[in-house]
Amino acid sequence: MIINSLVLSEAVLVAVSIAVAFSSTKKSKALSMACILIASAALLGLLRYSGVLILPELHQLFAALGSCVALPLIAVNVIWPDSSVSRNVRYMVIFSFITAFLSVILVTINEFELWRNVCAGLSTLLILFTGFVRKEWLNFLAGILLLLALIILIKKINILILLPADSMHLLLAATLLIVNFSLLSRTKKVT
């Protein structure tokens, strides 16, 4: 039996997202919620590509939430790690609902499909810029990996045997690990 490469890359993304969600829960509610959204999308993708549960619309909805809610949450975590949105469940939920609501309105009602790329691109550039300006090289590296993932996905570049979506999944998983490591190392320096 041949396993679809998307099943494997989605499985890696699910595992990493869940691990980072648990690891970051005490330090950053924003990063934890972002990982939960990403894990949900990846799990639905895993089930879709394995043929167990074929609901492409549900997978696409959660993938859009990943671009429009999770990536901005990660950017907030990098830019303002001590903010109310990063640390407090209440404000993180308010931020998430507002960004999700705006995204649903723009994408489904106004058919502004580019909004997903705008959210992902802006979040990526903010992470990259913040890491560079503050000389937080792990966050800068996370921004570079996200930017590379977006370019590969948008330009539909195959790398070796990997499909563009596989590369994006693996680069996003690496980004989550790096952002989490940066968060944990920053909090160890403070204490």
N, C-alpha and C. Protein backbone atom coordinates (compact mmCIF):
# COMPACT_ATOMS: atom_id res chain seq x y z
N MET A 1 0.84 -1.19 0.00
CA MET A 1 0.00 0.00 0.00
C MET A 1 0.88 1.25 0.00
N ILE A 2 0.64 2.15 -0.92
CA ILE A 2 1.40 3.39 -1.01
C ILE A 2 0.67 4.46 -0.21
N ILE A 3 1.42 5.15 0.65
CA ILE A 3 0.84 6.21 1.47
C ILE A 3 1.06 7.54 0.77
N ASN A 4 0.01 8.31 0.68
CA ASN A 4 0.06 9.65 0.11
C ASN A 4 1.03 10.50 0.93
N SER A 5 1.89 11.24 0.26
CA SER A 5 2.87 12.07 0.99
C SER A 5 2.19 13.13 1.83
N LEU A 6 1.02 13.59 1.40
CA LEU A 6 0.29 14.59 2.19
C LEU A 6 -0.16 14.04 3.53
N VAL A 7 -0.45 12.75 3.59
CA VAL A 7 -0.84 12.11 4.85
C VAL A 7 0.33 12.20 5.83
N LEU A 8 1.53 11.91 5.36
CA LEU A 8 2.71 11.94 6.23
C LEU A 8 3.04 13.36 6.69
N SER A 9 3.01 14.32 5.77
CA SER A 9 3.35 15.69 6.17
C SER A 9 2.28 16.28 7.08
N GLU A 10 1.01 15.94 6.84
CA GLU A 10 -0.06 16.39 7.74
C GLU A 10 0.11 15.75 9.13
N ALA A 11 0.51 14.47 9.16
CA ALA A 11 0.71 13.79 10.44
C ALA A 11 1.84 14.45 11.25
N VAL A 12 2.91 14.80 10.56
CA VAL A 12 4.01 15.51 11.24
C VAL A 12 3.51 16.84 11.79
N LEU A 13 2.75 17.57 10.99
CA LEU A 13 2.23 18.86 11.43
C LEU A 13 1.26 18.72 12.61
N VAL A 14 0.42 17.69 12.60
CA VAL A 14 -0.48 17.43 13.74
C VAL A 14 0.34 17.18 15.00
N ALA A 15 1.32 16.29 14.91
CA ALA A 15 2.12 15.93 16.09
C ALA A 15 2.88 17.14 16.65
N VAL A 16 3.52 17.89 15.78
CA VAL A 16 4.28 19.07 16.23
C VAL A 16 3.35 20.12 16.81
N SER A 17 2.22 20.37 16.14
CA SER A 17 1.28 21.38 16.62
C SER A 17 0.73 21.05 18.00
N ILE A 18 0.38 19.80 18.20
CA ILE A 18 -0.14 19.39 19.51
C ILE A 18 0.95 19.50 20.57
N ALA A 19 2.16 19.07 20.25
CA ALA A 19 3.27 19.16 21.22
C ALA A 19 3.55 20.61 21.59
N VAL A 20 3.58 21.51 20.62
CA VAL A 20 3.85 22.92 20.90
C VAL A 20 2.67 23.55 21.64
N ALA A 21 1.45 23.15 21.31
CA ALA A 21 0.28 23.68 22.02
C ALA A 21 0.37 23.38 23.52
N PHE A 22 0.71 22.13 23.85
CA PHE A 22 0.84 21.76 25.25
C PHE A 22 2.04 22.45 25.91
N SER A 23 3.13 22.51 25.19
CA SER A 23 4.35 23.11 25.73
C SER A 23 4.21 24.61 25.99
N SER A 24 3.45 25.30 25.15
CA SER A 24 3.36 26.76 25.25
C SER A 24 2.16 27.26 26.04
N THR A 25 1.32 26.38 26.50
CA THR A 25 0.07 26.78 27.15
C THR A 25 0.26 27.76 28.30
N LYS A 26 1.22 27.53 29.16
CA LYS A 26 1.42 28.42 30.32
C LYS A 26 2.04 29.76 29.92
N LYS A 27 2.89 29.76 28.90
CA LYS A 27 3.63 30.97 28.52
C LYS A 27 2.88 31.84 27.53
N SER A 28 2.15 31.24 26.59
CA SER A 28 1.49 32.02 25.55
C SER A 28 0.19 31.34 25.11
N LYS A 29 -0.90 31.94 25.50
CA LYS A 29 -2.21 31.41 25.07
C LYS A 29 -2.37 31.59 23.56
N ALA A 30 -1.80 32.65 23.02
CA ALA A 30 -1.90 32.91 21.58
C ALA A 30 -1.21 31.81 20.77
N LEU A 31 0.00 31.45 21.16
CA LEU A 31 0.71 30.39 20.44
C LEU A 31 0.00 29.06 20.60
N SER A 32 -0.50 28.79 21.79
CA SER A 32 -1.22 27.55 22.04
C SER A 32 -2.46 27.45 21.16
N MET A 33 -3.24 28.54 21.09
CA MET A 33 -4.45 28.54 20.26
C MET A 33 -4.11 28.42 18.78
N ALA A 34 -3.05 29.10 18.35
CA ALA A 34 -2.62 28.99 16.96
C ALA A 34 -2.29 27.54 16.62
N CYS A 35 -1.61 26.88 17.53
CA CYS A 35 -1.24 25.47 17.30
C CYS A 35 -2.47 24.57 17.27
N ILE A 36 -3.45 24.87 18.10
CA ILE A 36 -4.69 24.08 18.10
C ILE A 36 -5.41 24.23 16.76
N LEU A 37 -5.48 25.45 16.25
CA LEU A 37 -6.11 25.68 14.94
C LEU A 37 -5.35 24.97 13.83
N ILE A 38 -4.04 25.07 13.87
CA ILE A 38 -3.21 24.41 12.85
C ILE A 38 -3.34 22.89 12.95
N ALA A 39 -3.33 22.37 14.18
CA ALA A 39 -3.49 20.92 14.37
C ALA A 39 -4.85 20.44 13.87
N SER A 40 -5.89 21.24 14.08
CA SER A 40 -7.23 20.88 13.61
C SER A 40 -7.26 20.80 12.09
N ALA A 41 -6.69 21.80 11.44
CA ALA A 41 -6.63 21.78 9.98
C ALA A 41 -5.81 20.60 9.47
N ALA A 42 -4.69 20.36 10.12
CA ALA A 42 -3.82 19.25 9.69
C ALA A 42 -4.48 17.89 9.92
N LEU A 43 -5.20 17.76 11.02
CA LEU A 43 -5.90 16.50 11.29
C LEU A 43 -6.99 16.26 10.25
N LEU A 44 -7.74 17.31 9.92
CA LEU A 44 -8.75 17.16 8.87
C LEU A 44 -8.10 16.85 7.52
N GLY A 45 -6.95 17.44 7.25
CA GLY A 45 -6.22 17.12 6.03
C GLY A 45 -5.73 15.68 6.01
N LEU A 46 -5.22 15.24 7.15
CA LEU A 46 -4.75 13.85 7.27
C LEU A 46 -5.91 12.89 7.00
N LEU A 47 -7.06 13.16 7.61
CA LEU A 47 -8.22 12.29 7.39
C LEU A 47 -8.71 12.37 5.95
N ARG A 48 -8.64 13.55 5.36
CA ARG A 48 -9.08 13.73 3.97
C ARG A 48 -8.17 12.96 3.01
N TYR A 49 -6.86 13.15 3.15
CA TYR A 49 -5.93 12.54 2.19
C TYR A 49 -5.74 11.05 2.41
N SER A 50 -6.08 10.57 3.61
CA SER A 50 -6.00 9.12 3.85
C SER A 50 -7.28 8.41 3.40
N GLY A 51 -8.31 9.20 3.05
CA GLY A 51 -9.56 8.62 2.57
C GLY A 51 -10.51 8.22 3.67
N VAL A 52 -10.17 8.49 4.92
CA VAL A 52 -11.03 8.11 6.04
C VAL A 52 -12.25 9.02 6.12
N LEU A 53 -12.04 10.31 5.99
CA LEU A 53 -13.12 11.30 6.10
C LEU A 53 -12.90 12.34 5.01
N ILE A 54 -13.66 12.22 3.96
CA ILE A 54 -13.44 13.11 2.82
C ILE A 54 -14.39 14.30 2.92
N LEU A 55 -13.91 15.35 3.56
CA LEU A 55 -14.67 16.60 3.67
C LEU A 55 -13.75 17.76 3.28
N PRO A 56 -13.53 17.95 1.98
CA PRO A 56 -12.58 18.98 1.57
C PRO A 56 -12.97 20.39 2.02
N GLU A 57 -14.27 20.67 2.10
CA GLU A 57 -14.71 22.00 2.51
C GLU A 57 -14.33 22.29 3.96
N LEU A 58 -14.49 21.29 4.83
CA LEU A 58 -14.13 21.48 6.24
C LEU A 58 -12.62 21.68 6.39
N HIS A 59 -11.85 20.90 5.65
CA HIS A 59 -10.40 21.05 5.69
C HIS A 59 -10.01 22.44 5.17
N GLN A 60 -10.64 22.89 4.10
CA GLN A 60 -10.34 24.21 3.54
C GLN A 60 -10.71 25.33 4.51
N LEU A 61 -11.83 25.17 5.23
CA LEU A 61 -12.23 26.17 6.22
C LEU A 61 -11.18 26.29 7.32
N PHE A 62 -10.74 25.16 7.85
CA PHE A 62 -9.75 25.21 8.92
C PHE A 62 -8.38 25.66 8.41
N ALA A 63 -8.06 25.34 7.17
CA ALA A 63 -6.82 25.84 6.58
C ALA A 63 -6.88 27.36 6.44
N ALA A 64 -8.04 27.87 6.07
CA ALA A 64 -8.22 29.33 5.99
C ALA A 64 -8.11 29.97 7.38
N LEU A 65 -8.66 29.32 8.39
CA LEU A 65 -8.52 29.83 9.75
C LEU A 65 -7.05 29.80 10.19
N GLY A 66 -6.32 28.82 9.71
CA GLY A 66 -4.89 28.78 10.00
C GLY A 66 -4.18 29.99 9.43
N SER A 67 -4.51 30.34 8.19
CA SER A 67 -3.88 31.50 7.55
C SER A 67 -4.33 32.82 8.16
N CYS A 68 -5.63 32.91 8.45
CA CYS A 68 -6.22 34.19 8.83
C CYS A 68 -6.31 34.42 10.34
N VAL A 69 -6.18 33.37 11.13
CA VAL A 69 -6.25 33.51 12.58
C VAL A 69 -4.97 33.02 13.26
N ALA A 70 -4.54 31.79 12.92
CA ALA A 70 -3.38 31.21 13.59
C ALA A 70 -2.09 31.98 13.32
N LEU A 71 -1.83 32.31 12.06
CA LEU A 71 -0.59 33.04 11.75
C LEU A 71 -0.56 34.43 12.38
N PRO A 72 -1.68 35.19 12.37
CA PRO A 72 -1.66 36.46 13.12
C PRO A 72 -1.45 36.25 14.63
N LEU A 73 -1.99 35.17 15.19
CA LEU A 73 -1.75 34.89 16.61
C LEU A 73 -0.26 34.62 16.87
N ILE A 74 0.38 33.90 15.96
CA ILE A 74 1.82 33.65 16.11
C ILE A 74 2.58 34.97 16.00
N ALA A 75 2.16 35.82 15.08
CA ALA A 75 2.81 37.14 14.94
C ALA A 75 2.65 37.96 16.21
N VAL A 76 1.47 37.95 16.80
CA VAL A 76 1.24 38.67 18.07
C VAL A 76 2.15 38.11 19.15
N ASN A 77 2.29 36.80 19.19
CA ASN A 77 3.16 36.16 20.18
C ASN A 77 4.62 36.61 20.02
N VAL A 78 5.07 36.76 18.78
CA VAL A 78 6.46 37.16 18.52
C VAL A 78 6.65 38.66 18.79
N ILE A 79 5.71 39.47 18.30
CA ILE A 79 5.85 40.93 18.41
C ILE A 79 5.61 41.43 19.82
N TRP A 80 4.53 40.96 20.43
CA TRP A 80 4.14 41.40 21.78
C TRP A 80 3.96 40.19 22.69
N PRO A 81 5.05 39.55 23.10
CA PRO A 81 4.94 38.32 23.89
C PRO A 81 4.29 38.52 25.26
N ASP A 82 4.33 39.74 25.77
CA ASP A 82 3.74 40.00 27.09
C ASP A 82 2.38 40.70 27.00
N SER A 83 1.81 40.78 25.81
CA SER A 83 0.53 41.46 25.63
C SER A 83 -0.62 40.63 26.21
N SER A 84 -1.75 41.29 26.37
CA SER A 84 -2.95 40.60 26.86
C SER A 84 -3.39 39.50 25.91
N VAL A 85 -3.26 39.73 24.61
CA VAL A 85 -3.65 38.71 23.63
C VAL A 85 -2.76 37.47 23.76
N SER A 86 -1.47 37.68 24.02
CA SER A 86 -0.55 36.55 24.15
C SER A 86 -0.77 35.78 25.45
N ARG A 87 -1.06 36.47 26.51
CA ARG A 87 -1.06 35.85 27.84
C ARG A 87 -2.44 35.51 28.41
N ASN A 88 -3.48 36.20 27.97
CA ASN A 88 -4.80 36.08 28.59
C ASN A 88 -5.77 35.39 27.63
N VAL A 89 -6.44 34.34 28.11
CA VAL A 89 -7.36 33.58 27.28
C VAL A 89 -8.49 34.47 26.75
N ARG A 90 -9.00 35.32 27.59
CA ARG A 90 -10.13 36.18 27.20
C ARG A 90 -9.78 37.05 25.99
N TYR A 91 -8.66 37.74 26.06
CA TYR A 91 -8.27 38.63 24.97
C TYR A 91 -7.83 37.87 23.73
N MET A 92 -7.24 36.71 23.94
CA MET A 92 -6.85 35.86 22.81
C MET A 92 -8.09 35.39 22.06
N VAL A 93 -9.15 35.02 22.80
CA VAL A 93 -10.39 34.57 22.18
C VAL A 93 -11.06 35.72 21.43
N ILE A 94 -11.08 36.91 22.03
CA ILE A 94 -11.66 38.08 21.36
C ILE A 94 -10.92 38.36 20.05
N PHE A 95 -9.58 38.38 20.11
CA PHE A 95 -8.77 38.59 18.91
C PHE A 95 -9.07 37.53 17.85
N SER A 96 -9.14 36.28 18.29
CA SER A 96 -9.39 35.16 17.36
C SER A 96 -10.76 35.28 16.71
N PHE A 97 -11.78 35.60 17.49
CA PHE A 97 -13.13 35.73 16.93
C PHE A 97 -13.22 36.88 15.95
N ILE A 98 -12.59 37.99 16.28
CA ILE A 98 -12.63 39.15 15.38
C ILE A 98 -11.93 38.82 14.06
N THR A 99 -10.74 38.23 14.14
CA THR A 99 -10.02 37.90 12.89
C THR A 99 -10.76 36.82 12.10
N ALA A 100 -11.36 35.85 12.80
CA ALA A 100 -12.12 34.80 12.11
C ALA A 100 -13.36 35.39 11.45
N PHE A 101 -14.06 36.26 12.16
CA PHE A 101 -15.26 36.89 11.62
C PHE A 101 -14.93 37.71 10.38
N LEU A 102 -13.91 38.56 10.48
CA LEU A 102 -13.50 39.36 9.33
C LEU A 102 -13.12 38.48 8.14
N SER A 103 -12.42 37.42 8.42
CA SER A 103 -11.97 36.52 7.36
C SER A 103 -13.15 35.84 6.67
N VAL A 104 -14.10 35.37 7.45
CA VAL A 104 -15.27 34.71 6.87
C VAL A 104 -16.06 35.70 6.02
N ILE A 105 -16.23 36.92 6.53
CA ILE A 105 -16.95 37.95 5.77
C ILE A 105 -16.22 38.25 4.46
N LEU A 106 -14.92 38.50 4.55
CA LEU A 106 -14.15 38.87 3.36
C LEU A 106 -14.04 37.75 2.34
N VAL A 107 -13.80 36.54 2.82
CA VAL A 107 -13.55 35.42 1.90
C VAL A 107 -14.85 34.84 1.35
N THR A 108 -15.83 34.58 2.21
CA THR A 108 -17.04 33.90 1.72
C THR A 108 -18.07 34.86 1.14
N ILE A 109 -18.29 35.98 1.79
CA ILE A 109 -19.33 36.89 1.31
C ILE A 109 -18.81 37.79 0.20
N ASN A 110 -17.66 38.41 0.42
CA ASN A 110 -17.11 39.32 -0.59
C ASN A 110 -16.23 38.61 -1.62
N GLU A 111 -16.01 37.32 -1.43
CA GLU A 111 -15.20 36.50 -2.34
C GLU A 111 -13.81 37.09 -2.57
N PHE A 112 -13.25 37.60 -1.50
CA PHE A 112 -11.89 38.17 -1.55
C PHE A 112 -10.92 37.06 -1.17
N GLU A 113 -10.67 36.14 -2.11
CA GLU A 113 -9.85 34.96 -1.88
C GLU A 113 -8.41 35.30 -1.50
N LEU A 114 -7.96 36.44 -1.95
CA LEU A 114 -6.58 36.85 -1.68
C LEU A 114 -6.34 37.15 -0.19
N TRP A 115 -7.41 37.31 0.58
CA TRP A 115 -7.30 37.66 1.99
C TRP A 115 -6.44 36.67 2.77
N ARG A 116 -6.56 35.38 2.45
CA ARG A 116 -5.74 34.37 3.13
C ARG A 116 -4.26 34.65 2.93
N ASN A 117 -3.89 34.96 1.69
CA ASN A 117 -2.48 35.25 1.40
C ASN A 117 -2.04 36.56 2.04
N VAL A 118 -2.95 37.54 2.10
CA VAL A 118 -2.62 38.82 2.75
C VAL A 118 -2.33 38.60 4.23
N CYS A 119 -3.20 37.86 4.92
CA CYS A 119 -2.99 37.58 6.35
C CYS A 119 -1.70 36.80 6.59
N ALA A 120 -1.50 35.76 5.81
CA ALA A 120 -0.31 34.93 5.97
C ALA A 120 0.95 35.73 5.64
N GLY A 121 0.92 36.48 4.55
CA GLY A 121 2.09 37.27 4.15
C GLY A 121 2.42 38.37 5.13
N LEU A 122 1.40 39.10 5.58
CA LEU A 122 1.63 40.18 6.54
C LEU A 122 2.16 39.64 7.87
N SER A 123 1.57 38.55 8.34
CA SER A 123 2.05 37.93 9.59
C SER A 123 3.50 37.48 9.45
N THR A 124 3.82 36.87 8.33
CA THR A 124 5.17 36.40 8.07
C THR A 124 6.17 37.55 8.04
N LEU A 125 5.83 38.61 7.32
CA LEU A 125 6.74 39.76 7.24
C LEU A 125 6.92 40.44 8.60
N LEU A 126 5.86 40.49 9.40
CA LEU A 126 5.97 41.08 10.74
C LEU A 126 6.87 40.23 11.65
N ILE A 127 6.75 38.92 11.55
CA ILE A 127 7.62 38.03 12.34
C ILE A 127 9.07 38.21 11.90
N LEU A 128 9.29 38.22 10.59
CA LEU A 128 10.63 38.38 10.02
C LEU A 128 11.24 39.72 10.45
N PHE A 129 10.49 40.79 10.29
CA PHE A 129 10.96 42.13 10.62
C PHE A 129 11.25 42.27 12.12
N THR A 130 10.34 41.78 12.95
CA THR A 130 10.53 41.87 14.41
C THR A 130 11.76 41.09 14.84
N GLY A 131 11.92 39.89 14.31
CA GLY A 131 13.10 39.09 14.65
C GLY A 131 14.39 39.79 14.26
N PHE A 132 14.40 40.42 13.08
CA PHE A 132 15.60 41.12 12.62
C PHE A 132 15.89 42.36 13.45
N VAL A 133 14.89 43.20 13.68
CA VAL A 133 15.09 44.45 14.41
C VAL A 133 15.52 44.20 15.86
N ARG A 134 14.90 43.21 16.49
CA ARG A 134 15.22 42.91 17.90
C ARG A 134 16.42 41.97 18.04
N LYS A 135 16.94 41.54 16.92
CA LYS A 135 18.04 40.57 16.91
C LYS A 135 17.67 39.29 17.65
N GLU A 136 16.42 38.91 17.48
CA GLU A 136 15.92 37.63 17.99
C GLU A 136 16.02 36.65 16.82
N TRP A 137 17.18 36.02 16.71
CA TRP A 137 17.50 35.28 15.50
C TRP A 137 16.64 34.04 15.32
N LEU A 138 16.14 33.46 16.40
CA LEU A 138 15.24 32.32 16.23
C LEU A 138 13.93 32.76 15.59
N ASN A 139 13.39 33.90 16.02
CA ASN A 139 12.17 34.41 15.41
C ASN A 139 12.42 34.84 13.97
N PHE A 140 13.59 35.40 13.71
CA PHE A 140 13.95 35.76 12.34
C PHE A 140 13.99 34.51 11.46
N LEU A 141 14.59 33.44 11.96
CA LEU A 141 14.63 32.17 11.24
C LEU A 141 13.22 31.63 11.01
N ALA A 142 12.36 31.75 12.02
CA ALA A 142 10.96 31.32 11.87
C ALA A 142 10.29 32.10 10.75
N GLY A 143 10.55 33.40 10.69
CA GLY A 143 9.99 34.23 9.62
C GLY A 143 10.50 33.81 8.25
N ILE A 144 11.78 33.49 8.17
CA ILE A 144 12.35 33.03 6.89
C ILE A 144 11.70 31.71 6.46
N LEU A 145 11.53 30.79 7.40
CA LEU A 145 10.90 29.51 7.06
C LEU A 145 9.45 29.70 6.60
N LEU A 146 8.72 30.58 7.28
CA LEU A 146 7.34 30.86 6.87
C LEU A 146 7.30 31.49 5.48
N LEU A 147 8.19 32.43 5.25
CA LEU A 147 8.26 33.08 3.94
C LEU A 147 8.57 32.06 2.85
N LEU A 148 9.51 31.18 3.12
CA LEU A 148 9.86 30.12 2.17
C LEU A 148 8.65 29.21 1.92
N ALA A 149 7.92 28.88 2.99
CA ALA A 149 6.72 28.03 2.85
C ALA A 149 5.68 28.70 1.97
N LEU A 150 5.46 30.00 2.17
CA LEU A 150 4.48 30.72 1.36
C LEU A 150 4.89 30.79 -0.10
N ILE A 151 6.17 31.06 -0.34
CA ILE A 151 6.66 31.14 -1.73
C ILE A 151 6.51 29.80 -2.42
N ILE A 152 6.88 28.73 -1.74
CA ILE A 152 6.77 27.38 -2.32
C ILE A 152 5.31 27.05 -2.64
N LEU A 153 4.42 27.41 -1.73
CA LEU A 153 3.00 27.10 -1.93
C LEU A 153 2.39 27.95 -3.03
N ILE A 154 2.67 29.24 -3.03
CA ILE A 154 2.09 30.14 -4.04
C ILE A 154 2.64 29.85 -5.44
N LYS A 155 3.95 29.61 -5.51
CA LYS A 155 4.58 29.33 -6.82
C LYS A 155 4.46 27.87 -7.24
N LYS A 156 3.92 27.04 -6.34
CA LYS A 156 3.73 25.60 -6.61
C LYS A 156 5.05 24.92 -7.00
N ILE A 157 6.04 25.08 -6.14
CA ILE A 157 7.38 24.53 -6.38
C ILE A 157 7.49 23.15 -5.73
N ASN A 158 7.84 22.16 -6.52
CA ASN A 158 8.12 20.82 -5.98
C ASN A 158 9.59 20.76 -5.59
N ILE A 159 9.86 20.27 -4.39
CA ILE A 159 11.24 20.10 -3.93
C ILE A 159 11.48 18.60 -3.74
N LEU A 160 12.38 18.09 -4.53
CA LEU A 160 12.66 16.66 -4.57
C LEU A 160 11.36 15.91 -4.81
N ILE A 161 10.95 15.06 -3.87
CA ILE A 161 9.71 14.30 -4.05
C ILE A 161 8.53 14.95 -3.33
N LEU A 162 8.77 16.10 -2.71
CA LEU A 162 7.72 16.74 -1.93
C LEU A 162 6.82 17.62 -2.79
N LEU A 163 5.54 17.52 -2.56
CA LEU A 163 4.58 18.42 -3.17
C LEU A 163 4.69 19.78 -2.47
N PRO A 164 4.23 20.86 -3.09
CA PRO A 164 4.29 22.17 -2.42
C PRO A 164 3.61 22.17 -1.05
N ALA A 165 2.46 21.50 -0.94
CA ALA A 165 1.76 21.45 0.35
C ALA A 165 2.58 20.67 1.40
N ASP A 166 3.28 19.62 0.96
CA ASP A 166 4.15 18.88 1.89
C ASP A 166 5.23 19.79 2.45
N SER A 167 5.88 20.54 1.57
CA SER A 167 6.93 21.46 2.01
C SER A 167 6.38 22.49 2.98
N MET A 168 5.19 23.02 2.66
CA MET A 168 4.56 24.01 3.54
C MET A 168 4.27 23.40 4.91
N HIS A 169 3.74 22.18 4.95
CA HIS A 169 3.44 21.53 6.23
C HIS A 169 4.71 21.36 7.06
N LEU A 170 5.77 20.87 6.44
CA LEU A 170 7.01 20.62 7.16
C LEU A 170 7.69 21.91 7.61
N LEU A 171 7.67 22.93 6.75
CA LEU A 171 8.25 24.23 7.14
C LEU A 171 7.43 24.90 8.24
N LEU A 172 6.11 24.74 8.19
CA LEU A 172 5.27 25.29 9.26
C LEU A 172 5.52 24.57 10.57
N ALA A 173 5.70 23.26 10.52
CA ALA A 173 6.02 22.50 11.73
C ALA A 173 7.35 22.97 12.33
N ALA A 174 8.35 23.16 11.48
CA ALA A 174 9.65 23.66 11.95
C ALA A 174 9.50 25.06 12.53
N THR A 175 8.69 25.89 11.91
CA THR A 175 8.45 27.25 12.41
C THR A 175 7.85 27.22 13.81
N LEU A 176 6.86 26.36 14.01
CA LEU A 176 6.22 26.26 15.33
C LEU A 176 7.22 25.83 16.40
N LEU A 177 8.07 24.86 16.06
CA LEU A 177 9.09 24.42 17.02
C LEU A 177 10.05 25.56 17.36
N ILE A 178 10.47 26.32 16.36
CA ILE A 178 11.42 27.41 16.58
C ILE A 178 10.80 28.53 17.39
N VAL A 179 9.56 28.92 17.06
CA VAL A 179 8.88 29.98 17.81
C VAL A 179 8.68 29.55 19.27
N ASN A 180 8.32 28.30 19.47
CA ASN A 180 8.16 27.80 20.83
C ASN A 180 9.48 27.79 21.59
N PHE A 181 10.54 27.34 20.93
CA PHE A 181 11.86 27.33 21.57
C PHE A 181 12.29 28.75 21.91
N SER A 182 12.03 29.69 21.01
CA SER A 182 12.35 31.10 21.26
C SER A 182 11.58 31.62 22.46
N LEU A 183 10.30 31.28 22.55
CA LEU A 183 9.46 31.70 23.68
C LEU A 183 9.98 31.11 24.98
N LEU A 184 10.28 29.84 24.98
CA LEU A 184 10.77 29.19 26.20
C LEU A 184 12.13 29.71 26.62
N SER A 185 13.03 29.95 25.65
CA SER A 185 14.36 30.47 26.00
C SER A 185 14.28 31.92 26.49
N ARG A 186 13.35 32.69 25.94
CA ARG A 186 13.17 34.07 26.40
C ARG A 186 12.64 34.11 27.83
N THR A 187 11.72 33.23 28.16
CA THR A 187 11.16 33.23 29.51
C THR A 187 12.18 32.70 30.52
N LYS A 188 13.08 31.83 30.09
CA LYS A 188 14.12 31.35 31.01
C LYS A 188 15.11 32.46 31.33
N LYS A 189 15.40 33.33 30.34
CA LYS A 189 16.32 34.45 30.57
C LYS A 189 15.73 35.46 31.55
N VAL A 190 14.40 35.65 31.47
CA VAL A 190 13.73 36.63 32.32
C VAL A 190 13.69 36.15 33.75
N THR A 191 13.47 34.84 33.98
CA THR A 191 13.35 34.32 35.35
C THR A 191 14.66 34.04 35.98
